[in-house]
Amino acid sequence: AAETVEERYLVQTDRFTHFALSAAQ
């Protein structure tokens, strides 16, 4: 997830949201 999502979002979200942020981008 760190390849596509900023650290400030990673630390406050779960894996399912990491998927969503990456897929949305």
PDBML (XML) file of the C-alpha atoms, coordinates in Angstrom:
<?xml version="1.0" encoding="UTF-8" ?>
<PDBx:datablock datablockName="MODEL"
   xmlns:PDBx="http://pdbml.pdb.org/schema/pdbx-v50.xsd"
   xmlns:xsi="http://www.w3.org/2001/XMLSchema-instance"
   xsi:schemaLocation="http://pdbml.pdb.org/schema/pdbx-v50.xsd pdbx-v50.xsd">
   <PDBx:atom_siteCategory>
      <PDBx:atom_site id="1">
         <PDBx:B_iso_or_equiv>0.00</PDBx:B_iso_or_equiv>
         <PDBx:Cartn_x>0.000</PDBx:Cartn_x>
         <PDBx:Cartn_y>0.000</PDBx:Cartn_y>
         <PDBx:Cartn_z>0.000</PDBx:Cartn_z>
         <PDBx:auth_asym_id>A</PDBx:auth_asym_id>
         <PDBx:auth_atom_id>CA</PDBx:auth_atom_id>
         <PDBx:auth_comp_id>ALA</PDBx:auth_comp_id>
         <PDBx:auth_seq_id>1</PDBx:auth_seq_id>
         <PDBx:group_PDB>ATOM</PDBx:group_PDB>
         <PDBx:label_alt_id xsi:nil="true" />
         <PDBx:label_asym_id>A</PDBx:label_asym_id>
         <PDBx:label_atom_id>CA</PDBx:label_atom_id>
         <PDBx:label_comp_id>ALA</PDBx:label_comp_id>
         <PDBx:label_entity_id>1</PDBx:label_entity_id>
         <PDBx:label_seq_id>1</PDBx:label_seq_id>
         <PDBx:occupancy>1.00</PDBx:occupancy>
         <PDBx:pdbx_PDB_model_num>1</PDBx:pdbx_PDB_model_num>
         <PDBx:type_symbol>C</PDBx:type_symbol>
      </PDBx:atom_site>
      <PDBx:atom_site id="2">
         <PDBx:B_iso_or_equiv>0.00</PDBx:B_iso_or_equiv>
         <PDBx:Cartn_x>2.902</PDBx:Cartn_x>
         <PDBx:Cartn_y>2.360</PDBx:Cartn_y>
         <PDBx:Cartn_z>0.679</PDBx:Cartn_z>
         <PDBx:auth_asym_id>A</PDBx:auth_asym_id>
         <PDBx:auth_atom_id>CA</PDBx:auth_atom_id>
         <PDBx:auth_comp_id>ALA</PDBx:auth_comp_id>
         <PDBx:auth_seq_id>2</PDBx:auth_seq_id>
         <PDBx:group_PDB>ATOM</PDBx:group_PDB>
         <PDBx:label_alt_id xsi:nil="true" />
         <PDBx:label_asym_id>A</PDBx:label_asym_id>
         <PDBx:label_atom_id>CA</PDBx:label_atom_id>
         <PDBx:label_comp_id>ALA</PDBx:label_comp_id>
         <PDBx:label_entity_id>1</PDBx:label_entity_id>
         <PDBx:label_seq_id>2</PDBx:label_seq_id>
         <PDBx:occupancy>1.00</PDBx:occupancy>
         <PDBx:pdbx_PDB_model_num>1</PDBx:pdbx_PDB_model_num>
         <PDBx:type_symbol>C</PDBx:type_symbol>
      </PDBx:atom_site>
      <PDBx:atom_site id="3">
         <PDBx:B_iso_or_equiv>0.00</PDBx:B_iso_or_equiv>
         <PDBx:Cartn_x>3.632</PDBx:Cartn_x>
         <PDBx:Cartn_y>2.461</PDBx:Cartn_y>
         <PDBx:Cartn_z>-3.051</PDBx:Cartn_z>
         <PDBx:auth_asym_id>A</PDBx:auth_asym_id>
         <PDBx:auth_atom_id>CA</PDBx:auth_atom_id>
         <PDBx:auth_comp_id>GLU</PDBx:auth_comp_id>
         <PDBx:auth_seq_id>3</PDBx:auth_seq_id>
         <PDBx:group_PDB>ATOM</PDBx:group_PDB>
         <PDBx:label_alt_id xsi:nil="true" />
         <PDBx:label_asym_id>A</PDBx:label_asym_id>
         <PDBx:label_atom_id>CA</PDBx:label_atom_id>
         <PDBx:label_comp_id>GLU</PDBx:label_comp_id>
         <PDBx:label_entity_id>1</PDBx:label_entity_id>
         <PDBx:label_seq_id>3</PDBx:label_seq_id>
         <PDBx:occupancy>1.00</PDBx:occupancy>
         <PDBx:pdbx_PDB_model_num>1</PDBx:pdbx_PDB_model_num>
         <PDBx:type_symbol>C</PDBx:type_symbol>
      </PDBx:atom_site>
      <PDBx:atom_site id="4">
         <PDBx:B_iso_or_equiv>0.00</PDBx:B_iso_or_equiv>
         <PDBx:Cartn_x>0.351</PDBx:Cartn_x>
         <PDBx:Cartn_y>4.260</PDBx:Cartn_y>
         <PDBx:Cartn_z>-3.781</PDBx:Cartn_z>
         <PDBx:auth_asym_id>A</PDBx:auth_asym_id>
         <PDBx:auth_atom_id>CA</PDBx:auth_atom_id>
         <PDBx:auth_comp_id>THR</PDBx:auth_comp_id>
         <PDBx:auth_seq_id>4</PDBx:auth_seq_id>
         <PDBx:group_PDB>ATOM</PDBx:group_PDB>
         <PDBx:label_alt_id xsi:nil="true" />
         <PDBx:label_asym_id>A</PDBx:label_asym_id>
         <PDBx:label_atom_id>CA</PDBx:label_atom_id>
         <PDBx:label_comp_id>THR</PDBx:label_comp_id>
         <PDBx:label_entity_id>1</PDBx:label_entity_id>
         <PDBx:label_seq_id>4</PDBx:label_seq_id>
         <PDBx:occupancy>1.00</PDBx:occupancy>
         <PDBx:pdbx_PDB_model_num>1</PDBx:pdbx_PDB_model_num>
         <PDBx:type_symbol>C</PDBx:type_symbol>
      </PDBx:atom_site>
      <PDBx:atom_site id="5">
         <PDBx:B_iso_or_equiv>0.00</PDBx:B_iso_or_equiv>
         <PDBx:Cartn_x>-0.991</PDBx:Cartn_x>
         <PDBx:Cartn_y>5.599</PDBx:Cartn_y>
         <PDBx:Cartn_z>-0.474</PDBx:Cartn_z>
         <PDBx:auth_asym_id>A</PDBx:auth_asym_id>
         <PDBx:auth_atom_id>CA</PDBx:auth_atom_id>
         <PDBx:auth_comp_id>VAL</PDBx:auth_comp_id>
         <PDBx:auth_seq_id>5</PDBx:auth_seq_id>
         <PDBx:group_PDB>ATOM</PDBx:group_PDB>
         <PDBx:label_alt_id xsi:nil="true" />
         <PDBx:label_asym_id>A</PDBx:label_asym_id>
         <PDBx:label_atom_id>CA</PDBx:label_atom_id>
         <PDBx:label_comp_id>VAL</PDBx:label_comp_id>
         <PDBx:label_entity_id>1</PDBx:label_entity_id>
         <PDBx:label_seq_id>5</PDBx:label_seq_id>
         <PDBx:occupancy>1.00</PDBx:occupancy>
         <PDBx:pdbx_PDB_model_num>1</PDBx:pdbx_PDB_model_num>
         <PDBx:type_symbol>C</PDBx:type_symbol>
      </PDBx:atom_site>
      <PDBx:atom_site id="6">
         <PDBx:B_iso_or_equiv>0.00</PDBx:B_iso_or_equiv>
         <PDBx:Cartn_x>0.534</PDBx:Cartn_x>
         <PDBx:Cartn_y>8.327</PDBx:Cartn_y>
         <PDBx:Cartn_z>1.689</PDBx:Cartn_z>
         <PDBx:auth_asym_id>A</PDBx:auth_asym_id>
         <PDBx:auth_atom_id>CA</PDBx:auth_atom_id>
         <PDBx:auth_comp_id>GLU</PDBx:auth_comp_id>
         <PDBx:auth_seq_id>6</PDBx:auth_seq_id>
         <PDBx:group_PDB>ATOM</PDBx:group_PDB>
         <PDBx:label_alt_id xsi:nil="true" />
         <PDBx:label_asym_id>A</PDBx:label_asym_id>
         <PDBx:label_atom_id>CA</PDBx:label_atom_id>
         <PDBx:label_comp_id>GLU</PDBx:label_comp_id>
         <PDBx:label_entity_id>1</PDBx:label_entity_id>
         <PDBx:label_seq_id>6</PDBx:label_seq_id>
         <PDBx:occupancy>1.00</PDBx:occupancy>
         <PDBx:pdbx_PDB_model_num>1</PDBx:pdbx_PDB_model_num>
         <PDBx:type_symbol>C</PDBx:type_symbol>
      </PDBx:atom_site>
      <PDBx:atom_site id="7">
         <PDBx:B_iso_or_equiv>0.00</PDBx:B_iso_or_equiv>
         <PDBx:Cartn_x>1.727</PDBx:Cartn_x>
         <PDBx:Cartn_y>7.409</PDBx:Cartn_y>
         <PDBx:Cartn_z>5.183</PDBx:Cartn_z>
         <PDBx:auth_asym_id>A</PDBx:auth_asym_id>
         <PDBx:auth_atom_id>CA</PDBx:auth_atom_id>
         <PDBx:auth_comp_id>GLU</PDBx:auth_comp_id>
         <PDBx:auth_seq_id>7</PDBx:auth_seq_id>
         <PDBx:group_PDB>ATOM</PDBx:group_PDB>
         <PDBx:label_alt_id xsi:nil="true" />
         <PDBx:label_asym_id>A</PDBx:label_asym_id>
         <PDBx:label_atom_id>CA</PDBx:label_atom_id>
         <PDBx:label_comp_id>GLU</PDBx:label_comp_id>
         <PDBx:label_entity_id>1</PDBx:label_entity_id>
         <PDBx:label_seq_id>7</PDBx:label_seq_id>
         <PDBx:occupancy>1.00</PDBx:occupancy>
         <PDBx:pdbx_PDB_model_num>1</PDBx:pdbx_PDB_model_num>
         <PDBx:type_symbol>C</PDBx:type_symbol>
      </PDBx:atom_site>
      <PDBx:atom_site id="8">
         <PDBx:B_iso_or_equiv>0.00</PDBx:B_iso_or_equiv>
         <PDBx:Cartn_x>-0.820</PDBx:Cartn_x>
         <PDBx:Cartn_y>9.656</PDBx:Cartn_y>
         <PDBx:Cartn_z>6.911</PDBx:Cartn_z>
         <PDBx:auth_asym_id>A</PDBx:auth_asym_id>
         <PDBx:auth_atom_id>CA</PDBx:auth_atom_id>
         <PDBx:auth_comp_id>ARG</PDBx:auth_comp_id>
         <PDBx:auth_seq_id>8</PDBx:auth_seq_id>
         <PDBx:group_PDB>ATOM</PDBx:group_PDB>
         <PDBx:label_alt_id xsi:nil="true" />
         <PDBx:label_asym_id>A</PDBx:label_asym_id>
         <PDBx:label_atom_id>CA</PDBx:label_atom_id>
         <PDBx:label_comp_id>ARG</PDBx:label_comp_id>
         <PDBx:label_entity_id>1</PDBx:label_entity_id>
         <PDBx:label_seq_id>8</PDBx:label_seq_id>
         <PDBx:occupancy>1.00</PDBx:occupancy>
         <PDBx:pdbx_PDB_model_num>1</PDBx:pdbx_PDB_model_num>
         <PDBx:type_symbol>C</PDBx:type_symbol>
      </PDBx:atom_site>
      <PDBx:atom_site id="9">
         <PDBx:B_iso_or_equiv>0.00</PDBx:B_iso_or_equiv>
         <PDBx:Cartn_x>-3.631</PDBx:Cartn_x>
         <PDBx:Cartn_y>7.613</PDBx:Cartn_y>
         <PDBx:Cartn_z>5.389</PDBx:Cartn_z>
         <PDBx:auth_asym_id>A</PDBx:auth_asym_id>
         <PDBx:auth_atom_id>CA</PDBx:auth_atom_id>
         <PDBx:auth_comp_id>TYR</PDBx:auth_comp_id>
         <PDBx:auth_seq_id>9</PDBx:auth_seq_id>
         <PDBx:group_PDB>ATOM</PDBx:group_PDB>
         <PDBx:label_alt_id xsi:nil="true" />
         <PDBx:label_asym_id>A</PDBx:label_asym_id>
         <PDBx:label_atom_id>CA</PDBx:label_atom_id>
         <PDBx:label_comp_id>TYR</PDBx:label_comp_id>
         <PDBx:label_entity_id>1</PDBx:label_entity_id>
         <PDBx:label_seq_id>9</PDBx:label_seq_id>
         <PDBx:occupancy>1.00</PDBx:occupancy>
         <PDBx:pdbx_PDB_model_num>1</PDBx:pdbx_PDB_model_num>
         <PDBx:type_symbol>C</PDBx:type_symbol>
      </PDBx:atom_site>
      <PDBx:atom_site id="10">
         <PDBx:B_iso_or_equiv>0.00</PDBx:B_iso_or_equiv>
         <PDBx:Cartn_x>-1.961</PDBx:Cartn_x>
         <PDBx:Cartn_y>4.257</PDBx:Cartn_y>
         <PDBx:Cartn_z>5.938</PDBx:Cartn_z>
         <PDBx:auth_asym_id>A</PDBx:auth_asym_id>
         <PDBx:auth_atom_id>CA</PDBx:auth_atom_id>
         <PDBx:auth_comp_id>LEU</PDBx:auth_comp_id>
         <PDBx:auth_seq_id>10</PDBx:auth_seq_id>
         <PDBx:group_PDB>ATOM</PDBx:group_PDB>
         <PDBx:label_alt_id xsi:nil="true" />
         <PDBx:label_asym_id>A</PDBx:label_asym_id>
         <PDBx:label_atom_id>CA</PDBx:label_atom_id>
         <PDBx:label_comp_id>LEU</PDBx:label_comp_id>
         <PDBx:label_entity_id>1</PDBx:label_entity_id>
         <PDBx:label_seq_id>10</PDBx:label_seq_id>
         <PDBx:occupancy>1.00</PDBx:occupancy>
         <PDBx:pdbx_PDB_model_num>1</PDBx:pdbx_PDB_model_num>
         <PDBx:type_symbol>C</PDBx:type_symbol>
      </PDBx:atom_site>
      <PDBx:atom_site id="11">
         <PDBx:B_iso_or_equiv>0.00</PDBx:B_iso_or_equiv>
         <PDBx:Cartn_x>-1.613</PDBx:Cartn_x>
         <PDBx:Cartn_y>4.638</PDBx:Cartn_y>
         <PDBx:Cartn_z>9.696</PDBx:Cartn_z>
         <PDBx:auth_asym_id>A</PDBx:auth_asym_id>
         <PDBx:auth_atom_id>CA</PDBx:auth_atom_id>
         <PDBx:auth_comp_id>VAL</PDBx:auth_comp_id>
         <PDBx:auth_seq_id>11</PDBx:auth_seq_id>
         <PDBx:group_PDB>ATOM</PDBx:group_PDB>
         <PDBx:label_alt_id xsi:nil="true" />
         <PDBx:label_asym_id>A</PDBx:label_asym_id>
         <PDBx:label_atom_id>CA</PDBx:label_atom_id>
         <PDBx:label_comp_id>VAL</PDBx:label_comp_id>
         <PDBx:label_entity_id>1</PDBx:label_entity_id>
         <PDBx:label_seq_id>11</PDBx:label_seq_id>
         <PDBx:occupancy>1.00</PDBx:occupancy>
         <PDBx:pdbx_PDB_model_num>1</PDBx:pdbx_PDB_model_num>
         <PDBx:type_symbol>C</PDBx:type_symbol>
      </PDBx:atom_site>
      <PDBx:atom_site id="12">
         <PDBx:B_iso_or_equiv>0.00</PDBx:B_iso_or_equiv>
         <PDBx:Cartn_x>-5.268</PDBx:Cartn_x>
         <PDBx:Cartn_y>5.465</PDBx:Cartn_y>
         <PDBx:Cartn_z>10.240</PDBx:Cartn_z>
         <PDBx:auth_asym_id>A</PDBx:auth_asym_id>
         <PDBx:auth_atom_id>CA</PDBx:auth_atom_id>
         <PDBx:auth_comp_id>GLN</PDBx:auth_comp_id>
         <PDBx:auth_seq_id>12</PDBx:auth_seq_id>
         <PDBx:group_PDB>ATOM</PDBx:group_PDB>
         <PDBx:label_alt_id xsi:nil="true" />
         <PDBx:label_asym_id>A</PDBx:label_asym_id>
         <PDBx:label_atom_id>CA</PDBx:label_atom_id>
         <PDBx:label_comp_id>GLN</PDBx:label_comp_id>
         <PDBx:label_entity_id>1</PDBx:label_entity_id>
         <PDBx:label_seq_id>12</PDBx:label_seq_id>
         <PDBx:occupancy>1.00</PDBx:occupancy>
         <PDBx:pdbx_PDB_model_num>1</PDBx:pdbx_PDB_model_num>
         <PDBx:type_symbol>C</PDBx:type_symbol>
      </PDBx:atom_site>
      <PDBx:atom_site id="13">
         <PDBx:B_iso_or_equiv>0.00</PDBx:B_iso_or_equiv>
         <PDBx:Cartn_x>-6.860</PDBx:Cartn_x>
         <PDBx:Cartn_y>2.866</PDBx:Cartn_y>
         <PDBx:Cartn_z>7.972</PDBx:Cartn_z>
         <PDBx:auth_asym_id>A</PDBx:auth_asym_id>
         <PDBx:auth_atom_id>CA</PDBx:auth_atom_id>
         <PDBx:auth_comp_id>THR</PDBx:auth_comp_id>
         <PDBx:auth_seq_id>13</PDBx:auth_seq_id>
         <PDBx:group_PDB>ATOM</PDBx:group_PDB>
         <PDBx:label_alt_id xsi:nil="true" />
         <PDBx:label_asym_id>A</PDBx:label_asym_id>
         <PDBx:label_atom_id>CA</PDBx:label_atom_id>
         <PDBx:label_comp_id>THR</PDBx:label_comp_id>
         <PDBx:label_entity_id>1</PDBx:label_entity_id>
         <PDBx:label_seq_id>13</PDBx:label_seq_id>
         <PDBx:occupancy>1.00</PDBx:occupancy>
         <PDBx:pdbx_PDB_model_num>1</PDBx:pdbx_PDB_model_num>
         <PDBx:type_symbol>C</PDBx:type_symbol>
      </PDBx:atom_site>
      <PDBx:atom_site id="14">
         <PDBx:B_iso_or_equiv>0.00</PDBx:B_iso_or_equiv>
         <PDBx:Cartn_x>-7.277</PDBx:Cartn_x>
         <PDBx:Cartn_y>-0.886</PDBx:Cartn_y>
         <PDBx:Cartn_z>7.644</PDBx:Cartn_z>
         <PDBx:auth_asym_id>A</PDBx:auth_asym_id>
         <PDBx:auth_atom_id>CA</PDBx:auth_atom_id>
         <PDBx:auth_comp_id>ASP</PDBx:auth_comp_id>
         <PDBx:auth_seq_id>14</PDBx:auth_seq_id>
         <PDBx:group_PDB>ATOM</PDBx:group_PDB>
         <PDBx:label_alt_id xsi:nil="true" />
         <PDBx:label_asym_id>A</PDBx:label_asym_id>
         <PDBx:label_atom_id>CA</PDBx:label_atom_id>
         <PDBx:label_comp_id>ASP</PDBx:label_comp_id>
         <PDBx:label_entity_id>1</PDBx:label_entity_id>
         <PDBx:label_seq_id>14</PDBx:label_seq_id>
         <PDBx:occupancy>1.00</PDBx:occupancy>
         <PDBx:pdbx_PDB_model_num>1</PDBx:pdbx_PDB_model_num>
         <PDBx:type_symbol>C</PDBx:type_symbol>
      </PDBx:atom_site>
      <PDBx:atom_site id="15">
         <PDBx:B_iso_or_equiv>0.00</PDBx:B_iso_or_equiv>
         <PDBx:Cartn_x>-6.192</PDBx:Cartn_x>
         <PDBx:Cartn_y>-3.127</PDBx:Cartn_y>
         <PDBx:Cartn_z>4.787</PDBx:Cartn_z>
         <PDBx:auth_asym_id>A</PDBx:auth_asym_id>
         <PDBx:auth_atom_id>CA</PDBx:auth_atom_id>
         <PDBx:auth_comp_id>ARG</PDBx:auth_comp_id>
         <PDBx:auth_seq_id>15</PDBx:auth_seq_id>
         <PDBx:group_PDB>ATOM</PDBx:group_PDB>
         <PDBx:label_alt_id xsi:nil="true" />
         <PDBx:label_asym_id>A</PDBx:label_asym_id>
         <PDBx:label_atom_id>CA</PDBx:label_atom_id>
         <PDBx:label_comp_id>ARG</PDBx:label_comp_id>
         <PDBx:label_entity_id>1</PDBx:label_entity_id>
         <PDBx:label_seq_id>15</PDBx:label_seq_id>
         <PDBx:occupancy>1.00</PDBx:occupancy>
         <PDBx:pdbx_PDB_model_num>1</PDBx:pdbx_PDB_model_num>
         <PDBx:type_symbol>C</PDBx:type_symbol>
      </PDBx:atom_site>
      <PDBx:atom_site id="16">
         <PDBx:B_iso_or_equiv>0.00</PDBx:B_iso_or_equiv>
         <PDBx:Cartn_x>-9.642</PDBx:Cartn_x>
         <PDBx:Cartn_y>-2.984</PDBx:Cartn_y>
         <PDBx:Cartn_z>3.163</PDBx:Cartn_z>
         <PDBx:auth_asym_id>A</PDBx:auth_asym_id>
         <PDBx:auth_atom_id>CA</PDBx:auth_atom_id>
         <PDBx:auth_comp_id>PHE</PDBx:auth_comp_id>
         <PDBx:auth_seq_id>16</PDBx:auth_seq_id>
         <PDBx:group_PDB>ATOM</PDBx:group_PDB>
         <PDBx:label_alt_id xsi:nil="true" />
         <PDBx:label_asym_id>A</PDBx:label_asym_id>
         <PDBx:label_atom_id>CA</PDBx:label_atom_id>
         <PDBx:label_comp_id>PHE</PDBx:label_comp_id>
         <PDBx:label_entity_id>1</PDBx:label_entity_id>
         <PDBx:label_seq_id>16</PDBx:label_seq_id>
         <PDBx:occupancy>1.00</PDBx:occupancy>
         <PDBx:pdbx_PDB_model_num>1</PDBx:pdbx_PDB_model_num>
         <PDBx:type_symbol>C</PDBx:type_symbol>
      </PDBx:atom_site>
      <PDBx:atom_site id="17">
         <PDBx:B_iso_or_equiv>0.00</PDBx:B_iso_or_equiv>
         <PDBx:Cartn_x>-9.331</PDBx:Cartn_x>
         <PDBx:Cartn_y>0.804</PDBx:Cartn_y>
         <PDBx:Cartn_z>2.914</PDBx:Cartn_z>
         <PDBx:auth_asym_id>A</PDBx:auth_asym_id>
         <PDBx:auth_atom_id>CA</PDBx:auth_atom_id>
         <PDBx:auth_comp_id>THR</PDBx:auth_comp_id>
         <PDBx:auth_seq_id>17</PDBx:auth_seq_id>
         <PDBx:group_PDB>ATOM</PDBx:group_PDB>
         <PDBx:label_alt_id xsi:nil="true" />
         <PDBx:label_asym_id>A</PDBx:label_asym_id>
         <PDBx:label_atom_id>CA</PDBx:label_atom_id>
         <PDBx:label_comp_id>THR</PDBx:label_comp_id>
         <PDBx:label_entity_id>1</PDBx:label_entity_id>
         <PDBx:label_seq_id>17</PDBx:label_seq_id>
         <PDBx:occupancy>1.00</PDBx:occupancy>
         <PDBx:pdbx_PDB_model_num>1</PDBx:pdbx_PDB_model_num>
         <PDBx:type_symbol>C</PDBx:type_symbol>
      </PDBx:atom_site>
      <PDBx:atom_site id="18">
         <PDBx:B_iso_or_equiv>0.00</PDBx:B_iso_or_equiv>
         <PDBx:Cartn_x>-5.756</PDBx:Cartn_x>
         <PDBx:Cartn_y>0.502</PDBx:Cartn_y>
         <PDBx:Cartn_z>1.619</PDBx:Cartn_z>
         <PDBx:auth_asym_id>A</PDBx:auth_asym_id>
         <PDBx:auth_atom_id>CA</PDBx:auth_atom_id>
         <PDBx:auth_comp_id>HIS</PDBx:auth_comp_id>
         <PDBx:auth_seq_id>18</PDBx:auth_seq_id>
         <PDBx:group_PDB>ATOM</PDBx:group_PDB>
         <PDBx:label_alt_id xsi:nil="true" />
         <PDBx:label_asym_id>A</PDBx:label_asym_id>
         <PDBx:label_atom_id>CA</PDBx:label_atom_id>
         <PDBx:label_comp_id>HIS</PDBx:label_comp_id>
         <PDBx:label_entity_id>1</PDBx:label_entity_id>
         <PDBx:label_seq_id>18</PDBx:label_seq_id>
         <PDBx:occupancy>1.00</PDBx:occupancy>
         <PDBx:pdbx_PDB_model_num>1</PDBx:pdbx_PDB_model_num>
         <PDBx:type_symbol>C</PDBx:type_symbol>
      </PDBx:atom_site>
      <PDBx:atom_site id="19">
         <PDBx:B_iso_or_equiv>0.00</PDBx:B_iso_or_equiv>
         <PDBx:Cartn_x>-7.238</PDBx:Cartn_x>
         <PDBx:Cartn_y>-1.574</PDBx:Cartn_y>
         <PDBx:Cartn_z>-1.198</PDBx:Cartn_z>
         <PDBx:auth_asym_id>A</PDBx:auth_asym_id>
         <PDBx:auth_atom_id>CA</PDBx:auth_atom_id>
         <PDBx:auth_comp_id>PHE</PDBx:auth_comp_id>
         <PDBx:auth_seq_id>19</PDBx:auth_seq_id>
         <PDBx:group_PDB>ATOM</PDBx:group_PDB>
         <PDBx:label_alt_id xsi:nil="true" />
         <PDBx:label_asym_id>A</PDBx:label_asym_id>
         <PDBx:label_atom_id>CA</PDBx:label_atom_id>
         <PDBx:label_comp_id>PHE</PDBx:label_comp_id>
         <PDBx:label_entity_id>1</PDBx:label_entity_id>
         <PDBx:label_seq_id>19</PDBx:label_seq_id>
         <PDBx:occupancy>1.00</PDBx:occupancy>
         <PDBx:pdbx_PDB_model_num>1</PDBx:pdbx_PDB_model_num>
         <PDBx:type_symbol>C</PDBx:type_symbol>
      </PDBx:atom_site>
      <PDBx:atom_site id="20">
         <PDBx:B_iso_or_equiv>0.00</PDBx:B_iso_or_equiv>
         <PDBx:Cartn_x>-9.939</PDBx:Cartn_x>
         <PDBx:Cartn_y>1.055</PDBx:Cartn_y>
         <PDBx:Cartn_z>-1.790</PDBx:Cartn_z>
         <PDBx:auth_asym_id>A</PDBx:auth_asym_id>
         <PDBx:auth_atom_id>CA</PDBx:auth_atom_id>
         <PDBx:auth_comp_id>ALA</PDBx:auth_comp_id>
         <PDBx:auth_seq_id>20</PDBx:auth_seq_id>
         <PDBx:group_PDB>ATOM</PDBx:group_PDB>
         <PDBx:label_alt_id xsi:nil="true" />
         <PDBx:label_asym_id>A</PDBx:label_asym_id>
         <PDBx:label_atom_id>CA</PDBx:label_atom_id>
         <PDBx:label_comp_id>ALA</PDBx:label_comp_id>
         <PDBx:label_entity_id>1</PDBx:label_entity_id>
         <PDBx:label_seq_id>20</PDBx:label_seq_id>
         <PDBx:occupancy>1.00</PDBx:occupancy>
         <PDBx:pdbx_PDB_model_num>1</PDBx:pdbx_PDB_model_num>
         <PDBx:type_symbol>C</PDBx:type_symbol>
      </PDBx:atom_site>
      <PDBx:atom_site id="21">
         <PDBx:B_iso_or_equiv>0.00</PDBx:B_iso_or_equiv>
         <PDBx:Cartn_x>-7.520</PDBx:Cartn_x>
         <PDBx:Cartn_y>3.978</PDBx:Cartn_y>
         <PDBx:Cartn_z>-1.880</PDBx:Cartn_z>
         <PDBx:auth_asym_id>A</PDBx:auth_asym_id>
         <PDBx:auth_atom_id>CA</PDBx:auth_atom_id>
         <PDBx:auth_comp_id>LEU</PDBx:auth_comp_id>
         <PDBx:auth_seq_id>21</PDBx:auth_seq_id>
         <PDBx:group_PDB>ATOM</PDBx:group_PDB>
         <PDBx:label_alt_id xsi:nil="true" />
         <PDBx:label_asym_id>A</PDBx:label_asym_id>
         <PDBx:label_atom_id>CA</PDBx:label_atom_id>
         <PDBx:label_comp_id>LEU</PDBx:label_comp_id>
         <PDBx:label_entity_id>1</PDBx:label_entity_id>
         <PDBx:label_seq_id>21</PDBx:label_seq_id>
         <PDBx:occupancy>1.00</PDBx:occupancy>
         <PDBx:pdbx_PDB_model_num>1</PDBx:pdbx_PDB_model_num>
         <PDBx:type_symbol>C</PDBx:type_symbol>
      </PDBx:atom_site>
      <PDBx:atom_site id="22">
         <PDBx:B_iso_or_equiv>0.00</PDBx:B_iso_or_equiv>
         <PDBx:Cartn_x>-5.248</PDBx:Cartn_x>
         <PDBx:Cartn_y>2.142</PDBx:Cartn_y>
         <PDBx:Cartn_z>-4.317</PDBx:Cartn_z>
         <PDBx:auth_asym_id>A</PDBx:auth_asym_id>
         <PDBx:auth_atom_id>CA</PDBx:auth_atom_id>
         <PDBx:auth_comp_id>SER</PDBx:auth_comp_id>
         <PDBx:auth_seq_id>22</PDBx:auth_seq_id>
         <PDBx:group_PDB>ATOM</PDBx:group_PDB>
         <PDBx:label_alt_id xsi:nil="true" />
         <PDBx:label_asym_id>A</PDBx:label_asym_id>
         <PDBx:label_atom_id>CA</PDBx:label_atom_id>
         <PDBx:label_comp_id>SER</PDBx:label_comp_id>
         <PDBx:label_entity_id>1</PDBx:label_entity_id>
         <PDBx:label_seq_id>22</PDBx:label_seq_id>
         <PDBx:occupancy>1.00</PDBx:occupancy>
         <PDBx:pdbx_PDB_model_num>1</PDBx:pdbx_PDB_model_num>
         <PDBx:type_symbol>C</PDBx:type_symbol>
      </PDBx:atom_site>
      <PDBx:atom_site id="23">
         <PDBx:B_iso_or_equiv>0.00</PDBx:B_iso_or_equiv>
         <PDBx:Cartn_x>-8.086</PDBx:Cartn_x>
         <PDBx:Cartn_y>0.913</PDBx:Cartn_y>
         <PDBx:Cartn_z>-6.544</PDBx:Cartn_z>
         <PDBx:auth_asym_id>A</PDBx:auth_asym_id>
         <PDBx:auth_atom_id>CA</PDBx:auth_atom_id>
         <PDBx:auth_comp_id>ALA</PDBx:auth_comp_id>
         <PDBx:auth_seq_id>23</PDBx:auth_seq_id>
         <PDBx:group_PDB>ATOM</PDBx:group_PDB>
         <PDBx:label_alt_id xsi:nil="true" />
         <PDBx:label_asym_id>A</PDBx:label_asym_id>
         <PDBx:label_atom_id>CA</PDBx:label_atom_id>
         <PDBx:label_comp_id>ALA</PDBx:label_comp_id>
         <PDBx:label_entity_id>1</PDBx:label_entity_id>
         <PDBx:label_seq_id>23</PDBx:label_seq_id>
         <PDBx:occupancy>1.00</PDBx:occupancy>
         <PDBx:pdbx_PDB_model_num>1</PDBx:pdbx_PDB_model_num>
         <PDBx:type_symbol>C</PDBx:type_symbol>
      </PDBx:atom_site>
      <PDBx:atom_site id="24">
         <PDBx:B_iso_or_equiv>0.00</PDBx:B_iso_or_equiv>
         <PDBx:Cartn_x>-9.663</PDBx:Cartn_x>
         <PDBx:Cartn_y>4.379</PDBx:Cartn_y>
         <PDBx:Cartn_z>-6.587</PDBx:Cartn_z>
         <PDBx:auth_asym_id>A</PDBx:auth_asym_id>
         <PDBx:auth_atom_id>CA</PDBx:auth_atom_id>
         <PDBx:auth_comp_id>ALA</PDBx:auth_comp_id>
         <PDBx:auth_seq_id>24</PDBx:auth_seq_id>
         <PDBx:group_PDB>ATOM</PDBx:group_PDB>
         <PDBx:label_alt_id xsi:nil="true" />
         <PDBx:label_asym_id>A</PDBx:label_asym_id>
         <PDBx:label_atom_id>CA</PDBx:label_atom_id>
         <PDBx:label_comp_id>ALA</PDBx:label_comp_id>
         <PDBx:label_entity_id>1</PDBx:label_entity_id>
         <PDBx:label_seq_id>24</PDBx:label_seq_id>
         <PDBx:occupancy>1.00</PDBx:occupancy>
         <PDBx:pdbx_PDB_model_num>1</PDBx:pdbx_PDB_model_num>
         <PDBx:type_symbol>C</PDBx:type_symbol>
      </PDBx:atom_site>
      <PDBx:atom_site id="25">
         <PDBx:B_iso_or_equiv>0.00</PDBx:B_iso_or_equiv>
         <PDBx:Cartn_x>-6.425</PDBx:Cartn_x>
         <PDBx:Cartn_y>5.943</PDBx:Cartn_y>
         <PDBx:Cartn_z>-7.783</PDBx:Cartn_z>
         <PDBx:auth_asym_id>A</PDBx:auth_asym_id>
         <PDBx:auth_atom_id>CA</PDBx:auth_atom_id>
         <PDBx:auth_comp_id>GLN</PDBx:auth_comp_id>
         <PDBx:auth_seq_id>25</PDBx:auth_seq_id>
         <PDBx:group_PDB>ATOM</PDBx:group_PDB>
         <PDBx:label_alt_id xsi:nil="true" />
         <PDBx:label_asym_id>A</PDBx:label_asym_id>
         <PDBx:label_atom_id>CA</PDBx:label_atom_id>
         <PDBx:label_comp_id>GLN</PDBx:label_comp_id>
         <PDBx:label_entity_id>1</PDBx:label_entity_id>
         <PDBx:label_seq_id>25</PDBx:label_seq_id>
         <PDBx:occupancy>1.00</PDBx:occupancy>
         <PDBx:pdbx_PDB_model_num>1</PDBx:pdbx_PDB_model_num>
         <PDBx:type_symbol>C</PDBx:type_symbol>
      </PDBx:atom_site>
   </PDBx:atom_siteCategory>
</PDBx:datablock>
